[in-house]
Amino acid sequence: MKQLLFALLSALCLLRIPSVVKVAEARASWVASMFGLAALYVLGTVAPLASIDSYLGGVNVTNLLQAIFALLAIFFFNDSVRRLATVPVRWSYYAPLLSIPIMIVSFALIEDKGPTSADFIDYRMDQLATATYSGTYMFALLFTVLRIIYMLRHKARGLYATFSAGLVVVAAAVSCHIAYVLLFHFTPWDAFAEAIGAWFDRLFYAGLSVTAAGWLILFLSKQLPRLRLWMIDALWLTALRIRVNADTSRVSPAWDLFNETLENGVYKSLIVLHNYQRGNMCPFPESVQGRISQIEAKLDARV
């Protein structure tokens, strides 16, 4: 499940690169997916956990990094949803970030942090510092996830319902871990606590995978019709600008392709090419001019 989540987040990162510079909501979700990838990487999803942690002293610092990166991923996803739902920023918006220094101090106070282990938390749950570290992380996650679900309550239809469903599963997973921490550390019911805690990994990554899949499908559903309509024209016009040296800078055609919406990029390319024709008094061949006229007619039809 972790590998599936890594693949989904990688696809989101790559596909969202062109829109990162244009849309604030896209920037926030792209940063969220980057932090999600970082969290999965230090968890040992791609490279062996022991190899990664050995560069950091072999004392499970990767566990702390994974927690911080995962919390930041959820935080920026929360920011993306906030922008989508046009919810104003309040002081509570930043509250989850206050947990990071608490997590760092608590982690530093854990005794015998080595050797590297994927079950680092479980083996040290008898320590108050471990319970504080893990509990703070989970409460911050739960607060942020519930906030996202609340913001999506009016959009819980179609693919947005997939977001909410996946996040409900994540909230259930985090609640299981909080119950595990409290029961294991503060009651004699260790076996019962471990049985509840075992559900965390099963639910957490499944829920995140559902959310990421819905996120990816929603993005593609919005972009594919536009891509089919304008991508070929945008690429052809960009190639023409480069071929005839219509720009003072060789970088401008490619920059316009990625820094504009496809329709705006097509419109800008047409202006550049018309200016080139007027300035150099050299008409394009009939076949090229015919293609340009077809693109202009398509643009006019969209107005």
C-alpha atoms as a PDB file:
ATOM      1  CA  MET A   1       0.000   0.000   0.000  1.00  0.00           C
ATOM      2  CA  LYS A   2       2.895   2.373   0.704  1.00  0.00           C
ATOM      3  CA  GLN A   3       4.293   1.727  -2.782  1.00  0.00           C
ATOM      4  CA  LEU A   4       0.890   2.485  -4.337  1.00  0.00           C
ATOM      5  CA  LEU A   5       0.672   5.739  -2.376  1.00  0.00           C
ATOM      6  CA  PHE A   6       4.211   6.662  -3.444  1.00  0.00           C
ATOM      7  CA  ALA A   7       3.285   6.050  -7.105  1.00  0.00           C
ATOM      8  CA  LEU A   8       0.101   8.153  -6.838  1.00  0.00           C
ATOM      9  CA  LEU A   9       1.914  11.062  -5.180  1.00  0.00           C
ATOM     10  CA  SER A  10       4.722  10.875  -7.759  1.00  0.00           C
ATOM     11  CA  ALA A  11       2.165  11.139 -10.579  1.00  0.00           C
ATOM     12  CA  LEU A  12       0.523  14.123  -8.869  1.00  0.00           C
ATOM     13  CA  CYS A  13       3.876  15.865  -8.424  1.00  0.00           C
ATOM     14  CA  LEU A  14       4.816  15.477 -12.070  1.00  0.00           C
ATOM     15  CA  LEU A  15       1.417  16.385 -13.518  1.00  0.00           C
ATOM     16  CA  ARG A  16       1.020  19.495 -11.372  1.00  0.00           C
ATOM     17  CA  ILE A  17       4.402  21.042 -12.266  1.00  0.00           C
ATOM     18  CA  PRO A  18       3.008  23.235 -15.116  1.00  0.00           C
ATOM     19  CA  SER A  19       0.294  24.717 -12.872  1.00  0.00           C
ATOM     20  CA  VAL A  20       2.484  25.315  -9.818  1.00  0.00           C
ATOM     21  CA  VAL A  21       3.500  28.834 -10.892  1.00  0.00           C
ATOM     22  CA  LYS A  22      -0.045  29.866 -11.855  1.00  0.00           C
ATOM     23  CA  VAL A  23      -2.515  28.635  -9.225  1.00  0.00           C
ATOM     24  CA  ALA A  24      -2.146  29.076  -5.464  1.00  0.00           C
ATOM     25  CA  GLU A  25      -4.268  25.989  -4.762  1.00  0.00           C
ATOM     26  CA  ALA A  26      -2.033  23.954  -7.085  1.00  0.00           C
ATOM     27  CA  ARG A  27       1.115  25.187  -5.309  1.00  0.00           C
ATOM     28  CA  ALA A  28      -0.213  24.097  -1.922  1.00  0.00           C
ATOM     29  CA  SER A  29      -1.256  20.649  -3.154  1.00  0.00           C
ATOM     30  CA  TRP A  30       2.060  20.203  -4.982  1.00  0.00           C
ATOM     31  CA  VAL A  31       4.019  21.027  -1.819  1.00  0.00           C
ATOM     32  CA  ALA A  32       1.758  18.595   0.063  1.00  0.00           C
ATOM     33  CA  SER A  33       2.554  15.791  -2.370  1.00  0.00           C
ATOM     34  CA  MET A  34       6.288  16.571  -2.157  1.00  0.00           C
ATOM     35  CA  PHE A  35       6.239  16.319   1.638  1.00  0.00           C
ATOM     36  CA  GLY A  36       4.211  13.120   1.315  1.00  0.00           C
ATOM     37  CA  LEU A  37       6.867  11.633  -0.961  1.00  0.00           C
ATOM     38  CA  ALA A  38       9.601  12.712   1.473  1.00  0.00           C
ATOM     39  CA  ALA A  39       7.730  11.060   4.361  1.00  0.00           C
ATOM     40  CA  LEU A  40       7.360   7.805   2.432  1.00  0.00           C
ATOM     41  CA  TYR A  41      11.007   7.901   1.351  1.00  0.00           C
ATOM     42  CA  VAL A  42      12.432   8.213   4.871  1.00  0.00           C
ATOM     43  CA  LEU A  43      10.009   5.476   5.926  1.00  0.00           C
ATOM     44  CA  GLY A  44      12.021   3.092   3.762  1.00  0.00           C
ATOM     45  CA  THR A  45       9.506   2.774   0.912  1.00  0.00           C
ATOM     46  CA  VAL A  46      12.112   3.278  -1.820  1.00  0.00           C
ATOM     47  CA  ALA A  47      15.499   2.684  -0.173  1.00  0.00           C
ATOM     48  CA  PRO A  48      16.174   0.415   2.841  1.00  0.00           C
ATOM     49  CA  LEU A  49      15.300   2.114   6.121  1.00  0.00           C
ATOM     50  CA  ALA A  50      18.575   1.074   7.762  1.00  0.00           C
ATOM     51  CA  SER A  51      20.596   2.669   4.954  1.00  0.00           C
ATOM     52  CA  ILE A  52      18.759   5.981   5.233  1.00  0.00           C
ATOM     53  CA  ASP A  53      18.903   6.069   9.030  1.00  0.00           C
ATOM     54  CA  SER A  54      22.605   5.154   9.100  1.00  0.00           C
ATOM     55  CA  TYR A  55      23.417   8.528   7.507  1.00  0.00           C
ATOM     56  CA  LEU A  56      21.565  10.199  10.389  1.00  0.00           C
ATOM     57  CA  GLY A  57      23.340   8.366  13.191  1.00  0.00           C
ATOM     58  CA  GLY A  58      21.350   5.125  13.235  1.00  0.00           C
ATOM     59  CA  VAL A  59      19.112   6.335  16.100  1.00  0.00           C
ATOM     60  CA  ASN A  60      15.755   6.362  14.284  1.00  0.00           C
ATOM     61  CA  VAL A  61      15.856  10.027  13.335  1.00  0.00           C
ATOM     62  CA  THR A  62      14.034   8.844  10.199  1.00  0.00           C
ATOM     63  CA  ASN A  63      10.991   8.215  12.394  1.00  0.00           C
ATOM     64  CA  LEU A  64      10.991  11.858  13.503  1.00  0.00           C
ATOM     65  CA  LEU A  65      11.515  13.099   9.940  1.00  0.00           C
ATOM     66  CA  GLN A  66       8.715  10.890   8.660  1.00  0.00           C
ATOM     67  CA  ALA A  67       6.348  12.279  11.293  1.00  0.00           C
ATOM     68  CA  ILE A  68       7.263  15.902  10.502  1.00  0.00           C
ATOM     69  CA  PHE A  69       7.045  15.400   6.723  1.00  0.00           C
ATOM     70  CA  ALA A  70       3.697  13.577   7.005  1.00  0.00           C
ATOM     71  CA  LEU A  71       2.279  16.322   9.232  1.00  0.00           C
ATOM     72  CA  LEU A  72       3.461  19.003   6.793  1.00  0.00           C
ATOM     73  CA  ALA A  73       1.957  17.061   3.871  1.00  0.00           C
ATOM     74  CA  ILE A  74      -1.448  16.983   5.586  1.00  0.00           C
ATOM     75  CA  PHE A  75      -1.066  20.638   6.605  1.00  0.00           C
ATOM     76  CA  PHE A  76      -0.442  21.821   3.028  1.00  0.00           C
ATOM     77  CA  PHE A  77      -3.219  19.583   1.708  1.00  0.00           C
ATOM     78  CA  ASN A  78      -5.410  21.312   4.283  1.00  0.00           C
ATOM     79  CA  ASP A  79      -4.254  24.660   2.856  1.00  0.00           C
ATOM     80  CA  SER A  80      -5.131  23.529  -0.667  1.00  0.00           C
ATOM     81  CA  VAL A  81      -8.628  22.501   0.437  1.00  0.00           C
ATOM     82  CA  ARG A  82      -9.007  25.770   2.395  1.00  0.00           C
ATOM     83  CA  ARG A  83      -8.310  27.749  -0.777  1.00  0.00           C
ATOM     84  CA  LEU A  84     -10.676  25.535  -2.754  1.00  0.00           C
ATOM     85  CA  ALA A  85     -13.447  26.049  -0.187  1.00  0.00           C
ATOM     86  CA  THR A  86     -12.556  29.779   0.224  1.00  0.00           C
ATOM     87  CA  VAL A  87     -12.308  29.446   3.994  1.00  0.00           C
ATOM     88  CA  PRO A  88     -10.574  32.371   5.767  1.00  0.00           C
ATOM     89  CA  VAL A  89      -7.400  31.751   7.776  1.00  0.00           C
ATOM     90  CA  ARG A  90      -7.860  31.682  11.555  1.00  0.00           C
ATOM     91  CA  TRP A  91      -5.313  31.191  14.330  1.00  0.00           C
ATOM     92  CA  SER A  92      -6.338  27.537  14.673  1.00  0.00           C
ATOM     93  CA  TYR A  93      -5.170  26.988  11.103  1.00  0.00           C
ATOM     94  CA  TYR A  94      -1.538  27.065  12.275  1.00  0.00           C
ATOM     95  CA  ALA A  95      -2.132  25.100  15.498  1.00  0.00           C
ATOM     96  CA  PRO A  96      -0.848  21.755  14.097  1.00  0.00           C
ATOM     97  CA  LEU A  97       2.545  23.343  13.354  1.00  0.00           C
ATOM     98  CA  LEU A  98       2.975  24.061  17.076  1.00  0.00           C
ATOM     99  CA  SER A  99       3.206  20.314  17.630  1.00  0.00           C
ATOM    100  CA  ILE A 100       6.491  20.046  15.686  1.00  0.00           C
ATOM    101  CA  PRO A 101       8.768  21.571  18.379  1.00  0.00           C
ATOM    102  CA  ILE A 102       6.984  19.441  20.999  1.00  0.00           C
ATOM    103  CA  MET A 103       7.640  16.341  18.894  1.00  0.00           C
ATOM    104  CA  ILE A 104      11.317  17.249  18.478  1.00  0.00           C
ATOM    105  CA  VAL A 105      11.849  17.804  22.224  1.00  0.00           C
ATOM    106  CA  SER A 106       9.937  14.627  23.127  1.00  0.00           C
ATOM    107  CA  PHE A 107      11.924  12.598  20.616  1.00  0.00           C
ATOM    108  CA  ALA A 108      15.194  13.925  22.033  1.00  0.00           C
ATOM    109  CA  LEU A 109      14.127  12.777  25.516  1.00  0.00           C
ATOM    110  CA  ILE A 110      13.472   9.172  24.435  1.00  0.00           C
ATOM    111  CA  GLU A 111      16.110   6.859  25.864  1.00  0.00           C
ATOM    112  CA  ASP A 112      17.955   4.175  23.878  1.00  0.00           C
ATOM    113  CA  LYS A 113      16.817   5.372  20.453  1.00  0.00           C
ATOM    114  CA  GLY A 114      18.994   2.891  18.553  1.00  0.00           C
ATOM    115  CA  PRO A 115      19.205   0.616  16.666  1.00  0.00           C
ATOM    116  CA  THR A 116      17.174   1.438  13.559  1.00  0.00           C
ATOM    117  CA  SER A 117      13.761  -0.230  13.615  1.00  0.00           C
ATOM    118  CA  ALA A 118      10.444   0.140  11.820  1.00  0.00           C
ATOM    119  CA  ASP A 119       8.813  -0.611  15.209  1.00  0.00           C
ATOM    120  CA  PHE A 120      10.719   2.143  17.013  1.00  0.00           C
ATOM    121  CA  ILE A 121       7.592   3.503  18.764  1.00  0.00           C
ATOM    122  CA  ASP A 122       6.206   0.131  19.855  1.00  0.00           C
ATOM    123  CA  TYR A 123       9.434  -0.978  21.563  1.00  0.00           C
ATOM    124  CA  ARG A 124       9.628   2.230  23.637  1.00  0.00           C
ATOM    125  CA  MET A 125       5.978   2.935  24.425  1.00  0.00           C
ATOM    126  CA  ASP A 126       6.653   2.394  28.135  1.00  0.00           C
ATOM    127  CA  GLN A 127       8.513   5.744  28.164  1.00  0.00           C
ATOM    128  CA  LEU A 128       6.487   8.915  28.785  1.00  0.00           C
ATOM    129  CA  ALA A 129       8.599  10.760  26.203  1.00  0.00           C
ATOM    130  CA  THR A 130       7.583   8.233  23.534  1.00  0.00           C
ATOM    131  CA  ALA A 131       3.898   8.522  24.429  1.00  0.00           C
ATOM    132  CA  THR A 132       4.176  12.332  24.308  1.00  0.00           C
ATOM    133  CA  TYR A 133       6.006  12.275  20.974  1.00  0.00           C
ATOM    134  CA  SER A 134       3.651   9.824  19.271  1.00  0.00           C
ATOM    135  CA  GLY A 135       0.497  11.216  20.892  1.00  0.00           C
ATOM    136  CA  THR A 136       1.306  14.822  19.935  1.00  0.00           C
ATOM    137  CA  TYR A 137       1.933  13.794  16.334  1.00  0.00           C
ATOM    138  CA  MET A 138      -1.320  11.851  16.131  1.00  0.00           C
ATOM    139  CA  PHE A 139      -3.467  14.531  17.778  1.00  0.00           C
ATOM    140  CA  ALA A 140      -2.065  17.116  15.324  1.00  0.00           C
ATOM    141  CA  LEU A 141      -2.846  14.794  12.404  1.00  0.00           C
ATOM    142  CA  LEU A 142      -6.361  14.109  13.674  1.00  0.00           C
ATOM    143  CA  PHE A 143      -7.080  17.817  14.181  1.00  0.00           C
ATOM    144  CA  THR A 144      -5.955  18.635  10.627  1.00  0.00           C
ATOM    145  CA  VAL A 145      -7.757  15.710   8.971  1.00  0.00           C
ATOM    146  CA  LEU A 146     -11.036  16.500  10.741  1.00  0.00           C
ATOM    147  CA  ARG A 147     -10.643  20.132   9.706  1.00  0.00           C
ATOM    148  CA  ILE A 148     -10.279  19.079   6.039  1.00  0.00           C
ATOM    149  CA  ILE A 149     -13.340  16.822   6.270  1.00  0.00           C
ATOM    150  CA  TYR A 150     -15.313  19.713   7.767  1.00  0.00           C
ATOM    151  CA  MET A 151     -14.249  22.092   4.994  1.00  0.00           C
ATOM    152  CA  LEU A 152     -15.278  19.551   2.348  1.00  0.00           C
ATOM    153  CA  ARG A 153     -18.717  18.964   3.876  1.00  0.00           C
ATOM    154  CA  HIS A 154     -20.495  21.094   1.240  1.00  0.00           C
ATOM    155  CA  LYS A 155     -18.544  19.505  -1.629  1.00  0.00           C
ATOM    156  CA  ALA A 156     -18.993  15.876  -0.566  1.00  0.00           C
ATOM    157  CA  ARG A 157     -20.237  14.749  -3.974  1.00  0.00           C
ATOM    158  CA  GLY A 158     -18.561  12.805  -6.754  1.00  0.00           C
ATOM    159  CA  LEU A 159     -14.791  12.782  -6.507  1.00  0.00           C
ATOM    160  CA  TYR A 160     -14.867  15.151  -3.537  1.00  0.00           C
ATOM    161  CA  ALA A 161     -16.763  12.411  -1.700  1.00  0.00           C
ATOM    162  CA  THR A 162     -13.743  10.176  -2.396  1.00  0.00           C
ATOM    163  CA  PHE A 163     -11.563  12.725  -0.585  1.00  0.00           C
ATOM    164  CA  SER A 164     -13.874  12.701   2.394  1.00  0.00           C
ATOM    165  CA  ALA A 165     -14.188   8.904   2.463  1.00  0.00           C
ATOM    166  CA  GLY A 166     -10.421   8.428   2.337  1.00  0.00           C
ATOM    167  CA  LEU A 167      -9.884  11.043   5.037  1.00  0.00           C
ATOM    168  CA  VAL A 168     -12.513   9.425   7.290  1.00  0.00           C
ATOM    169  CA  VAL A 169     -10.494   6.205   7.075  1.00  0.00           C
ATOM    170  CA  VAL A 170      -7.308   8.177   7.899  1.00  0.00           C
ATOM    171  CA  ALA A 171      -9.072   9.738  10.905  1.00  0.00           C
ATOM    172  CA  ALA A 172     -10.135   6.273  12.067  1.00  0.00           C
ATOM    173  CA  ALA A 173      -6.538   5.025  11.730  1.00  0.00           C
ATOM    174  CA  VAL A 174      -5.162   7.958  13.719  1.00  0.00           C
ATOM    175  CA  SER A 175      -7.840   7.458  16.387  1.00  0.00           C
ATOM    176  CA  CYS A 176      -6.764   3.821  16.686  1.00  0.00           C
ATOM    177  CA  HIS A 177      -3.175   4.891  17.273  1.00  0.00           C
ATOM    178  CA  ILE A 178      -4.182   7.495  19.871  1.00  0.00           C
ATOM    179  CA  ALA A 179      -6.223   4.830  21.680  1.00  0.00           C
ATOM    180  CA  TYR A 180      -3.194   2.501  21.510  1.00  0.00           C
ATOM    181  CA  VAL A 181      -0.886   5.132  23.029  1.00  0.00           C
ATOM    182  CA  LEU A 182      -3.285   5.969  25.866  1.00  0.00           C
ATOM    183  CA  LEU A 183      -4.237   2.384  26.683  1.00  0.00           C
ATOM    184  CA  PHE A 184      -0.704   0.986  26.478  1.00  0.00           C
ATOM    185  CA  HIS A 185       0.926   3.686  28.562  1.00  0.00           C
ATOM    186  CA  PHE A 186      -1.773   4.442  31.101  1.00  0.00           C
ATOM    187  CA  THR A 187      -3.620   1.117  31.585  1.00  0.00           C
ATOM    188  CA  PRO A 188      -2.602  -2.519  32.166  1.00  0.00           C
ATOM    189  CA  TRP A 189      -4.389  -3.618  28.960  1.00  0.00           C
ATOM    190  CA  ASP A 190      -1.280  -3.921  26.814  1.00  0.00           C
ATOM    191  CA  ALA A 191      -2.548  -6.738  24.591  1.00  0.00           C
ATOM    192  CA  PHE A 192      -5.832  -4.937  23.903  1.00  0.00           C
ATOM    193  CA  ALA A 193      -3.935  -1.734  23.134  1.00  0.00           C
ATOM    194  CA  GLU A 194      -1.641  -3.534  20.676  1.00  0.00           C
ATOM    195  CA  ALA A 195      -4.657  -5.129  18.949  1.00  0.00           C
ATOM    196  CA  ILE A 196      -6.165  -1.683  18.399  1.00  0.00           C
ATOM    197  CA  GLY A 197      -2.819  -0.154  17.360  1.00  0.00           C
ATOM    198  CA  ALA A 198      -2.324  -2.859  14.735  1.00  0.00           C
ATOM    199  CA  TRP A 199      -5.118  -1.284  12.701  1.00  0.00           C
ATOM    200  CA  PHE A 200      -3.179   1.949  12.205  1.00  0.00           C
ATOM    201  CA  ASP A 201      -0.962   0.849   9.300  1.00  0.00           C
ATOM    202  CA  ARG A 202      -3.811  -1.044   7.632  1.00  0.00           C
ATOM    203  CA  LEU A 203      -6.178   1.911   7.650  1.00  0.00           C
ATOM    204  CA  PHE A 204      -3.790   4.886   7.423  1.00  0.00           C
ATOM    205  CA  TYR A 205      -2.120   4.102   4.097  1.00  0.00           C
ATOM    206  CA  ALA A 206      -5.313   2.698   2.586  1.00  0.00           C
ATOM    207  CA  GLY A 207      -7.140   5.934   3.434  1.00  0.00           C
ATOM    208  CA  LEU A 208      -4.349   8.111   2.094  1.00  0.00           C
ATOM    209  CA  SER A 209      -4.209   6.044  -1.111  1.00  0.00           C
ATOM    210  CA  VAL A 210      -7.958   6.521  -1.668  1.00  0.00           C
ATOM    211  CA  THR A 211      -7.574  10.277  -1.077  1.00  0.00           C
ATOM    212  CA  ALA A 212      -4.559  10.534  -3.408  1.00  0.00           C
ATOM    213  CA  ALA A 213      -6.330   8.499  -6.103  1.00  0.00           C
ATOM    214  CA  GLY A 214      -9.379  10.779  -5.895  1.00  0.00           C
ATOM    215  CA  TRP A 215      -7.080  13.798  -6.006  1.00  0.00           C
ATOM    216  CA  LEU A 216      -5.344  12.468  -9.143  1.00  0.00           C
ATOM    217  CA  ILE A 217      -8.598  11.520 -10.908  1.00  0.00           C
ATOM    218  CA  LEU A 218     -10.108  14.929 -10.110  1.00  0.00           C
ATOM    219  CA  PHE A 219      -7.059  16.674 -11.547  1.00  0.00           C
ATOM    220  CA  LEU A 220      -7.119  14.566 -14.719  1.00  0.00           C
ATOM    221  CA  SER A 221     -10.871  14.996 -15.172  1.00  0.00           C
ATOM    222  CA  LYS A 222     -10.403  18.779 -15.178  1.00  0.00           C
ATOM    223  CA  GLN A 223      -7.321  18.793 -17.389  1.00  0.00           C
ATOM    224  CA  LEU A 224      -7.933  16.097 -20.012  1.00  0.00           C
ATOM    225  CA  PRO A 225     -10.670  17.924 -22.009  1.00  0.00           C
ATOM    226  CA  ARG A 226      -8.484  21.054 -22.131  1.00  0.00           C
ATOM    227  CA  LEU A 227      -5.425  19.001 -23.049  1.00  0.00           C
ATOM    228  CA  ARG A 228      -7.254  17.277 -25.886  1.00  0.00           C
ATOM    229  CA  LEU A 229      -8.506  20.617 -27.220  1.00  0.00           C
ATOM    230  CA  TRP A 230      -5.365  22.746 -27.015  1.00  0.00           C
ATOM    231  CA  MET A 231      -2.224  20.713 -26.348  1.00  0.00           C
ATOM    232  CA  ILE A 232      -1.397  19.850 -29.976  1.00  0.00           C
ATOM    233  CA  ASP A 233      -1.995  23.446 -31.080  1.00  0.00           C
ATOM    234  CA  ALA A 234       0.089  24.842 -28.196  1.00  0.00           C
ATOM    235  CA  LEU A 235       3.006  22.527 -28.978  1.00  0.00           C
ATOM    236  CA  TRP A 236       2.813  23.259 -32.730  1.00  0.00           C
ATOM    237  CA  LEU A 237       2.792  27.039 -32.211  1.00  0.00           C
ATOM    238  CA  THR A 238       5.645  26.809 -29.696  1.00  0.00           C
ATOM    239  CA  ALA A 239       7.710  24.756 -32.153  1.00  0.00           C
ATOM    240  CA  LEU A 240       6.952  27.291 -34.909  1.00  0.00           C
ATOM    241  CA  ARG A 241       8.088  30.201 -32.732  1.00  0.00           C
ATOM    242  CA  ILE A 242      11.353  28.391 -32.000  1.00  0.00           C
ATOM    243  CA  ARG A 243      11.898  27.417 -35.659  1.00  0.00           C
ATOM    244  CA  VAL A 244      11.481  30.923 -37.070  1.00  0.00           C
ATOM    245  CA  ASN A 245      13.193  32.678 -34.126  1.00  0.00           C
ATOM    246  CA  ALA A 246      10.077  34.768 -33.468  1.00  0.00           C
ATOM    247  CA  ASP A 247      11.253  35.647 -29.934  1.00  0.00           C
ATOM    248  CA  THR A 248      14.216  37.664 -28.736  1.00  0.00           C
ATOM    249  CA  SER A 249      14.859  34.934 -26.153  1.00  0.00           C
ATOM    250  CA  ARG A 250      15.059  31.224 -26.989  1.00  0.00           C
ATOM    251  CA  VAL A 251      13.549  30.465 -23.592  1.00  0.00           C
ATOM    252  CA  SER A 252      10.335  32.511 -24.082  1.00  0.00           C
ATOM    253  CA  PRO A 253       8.341  29.966 -26.148  1.00  0.00           C
ATOM    254  CA  ALA A 254       8.893  27.148 -23.656  1.00  0.00           C
ATOM    255  CA  TRP A 255       8.293  29.505 -20.712  1.00  0.00           C
ATOM    256  CA  ASP A 256       4.959  30.632 -22.157  1.00  0.00           C
ATOM    257  CA  LEU A 257       3.944  27.025 -22.734  1.00  0.00           C
ATOM    258  CA  PHE A 258       4.383  26.139 -19.064  1.00  0.00           C
ATOM    259  CA  ASN A 259       3.663  29.491 -17.423  1.00  0.00           C
ATOM    260  CA  GLU A 260       0.292  30.116 -19.099  1.00  0.00           C
ATOM    261  CA  THR A 261      -2.922  28.149 -19.362  1.00  0.00           C
ATOM    262  CA  LEU A 262      -2.982  26.306 -22.684  1.00  0.00           C
ATOM    263  CA  GLU A 263      -5.566  28.695 -24.148  1.00  0.00           C
ATOM    264  CA  ASN A 264      -3.632  31.767 -23.022  1.00  0.00           C
ATOM    265  CA  GLY A 265      -0.427  30.212 -24.330  1.00  0.00           C
ATOM    266  CA  VAL A 266      -1.996  29.617 -27.741  1.00  0.00           C
ATOM    267  CA  TYR A 267      -3.329  33.191 -27.830  1.00  0.00           C
ATOM    268  CA  LYS A 268       0.070  34.615 -26.844  1.00  0.00           C
ATOM    269  CA  SER A 269       1.866  32.507 -29.460  1.00  0.00           C
ATOM    270  CA  LEU A 270      -0.482  33.777 -32.160  1.00  0.00           C
ATOM    271  CA  ILE A 271       0.264  37.389 -31.174  1.00  0.00           C
ATOM    272  CA  VAL A 272       4.033  36.744 -31.219  1.00  0.00           C
ATOM    273  CA  LEU A 273       3.828  35.095 -34.652  1.00  0.00           C
ATOM    274  CA  HIS A 274       1.693  37.919 -36.104  1.00  0.00           C
ATOM    275  CA  ASN A 275       4.150  40.495 -34.768  1.00  0.00           C
ATOM    276  CA  TYR A 276       6.989  38.482 -36.312  1.00  0.00           C
ATOM    277  CA  GLN A 277       5.247  38.506 -39.701  1.00  0.00           C
ATOM    278  CA  ARG A 278       4.609  42.251 -39.603  1.00  0.00           C
ATOM    279  CA  GLY A 279       8.103  43.087 -38.383  1.00  0.00           C
ATOM    280  CA  ASN A 280       9.876  40.947 -40.983  1.00  0.00           C
ATOM    281  CA  MET A 281       7.372  41.398 -43.846  1.00  0.00           C
ATOM    282  CA  CYS A 282       7.564  37.689 -44.625  1.00  0.00           C
ATOM    283  CA  PRO A 283       4.305  35.694 -44.772  1.00  0.00           C
ATOM    284  CA  PHE A 284       4.290  32.066 -43.721  1.00  0.00           C
ATOM    285  CA  PRO A 285       3.804  29.315 -46.296  1.00  0.00           C
ATOM    286  CA  GLU A 286       0.178  28.691 -47.218  1.00  0.00           C
ATOM    287  CA  SER A 287      -0.015  25.418 -45.260  1.00  0.00           C
ATOM    288  CA  VAL A 288       1.330  27.075 -42.104  1.00  0.00           C
ATOM    289  CA  GLN A 289      -0.942  30.105 -42.502  1.00  0.00           C
ATOM    290  CA  GLY A 290      -3.900  27.773 -43.011  1.00  0.00           C
ATOM    291  CA  ARG A 291      -3.141  25.963 -39.746  1.00  0.00           C
ATOM    292  CA  ILE A 292      -2.830  29.299 -37.920  1.00  0.00           C
ATOM    293  CA  SER A 293      -6.197  30.390 -39.318  1.00  0.00           C
ATOM    294  CA  GLN A 294      -7.811  27.169 -38.094  1.00  0.00           C
ATOM    295  CA  ILE A 295      -6.455  27.754 -34.587  1.00  0.00           C
ATOM    296  CA  GLU A 296      -7.687  31.365 -34.632  1.00  0.00           C
ATOM    297  CA  ALA A 297     -11.135  30.180 -35.694  1.00  0.00           C
ATOM    298  CA  LYS A 298     -11.168  27.680 -32.830  1.00  0.00           C
ATOM    299  CA  LEU A 299     -10.233  30.444 -30.379  1.00  0.00           C
ATOM    300  CA  ASP A 300     -12.964  32.728 -31.776  1.00  0.00           C
ATOM    301  CA  ALA A 301     -15.509  29.946 -31.376  1.00  0.00           C
ATOM    302  CA  ARG A 302     -14.638  29.649 -27.673  1.00  0.00           C
ATOM    303  CA  VAL A 303     -15.322  33.338 -26.979  1.00  0.00           C
END
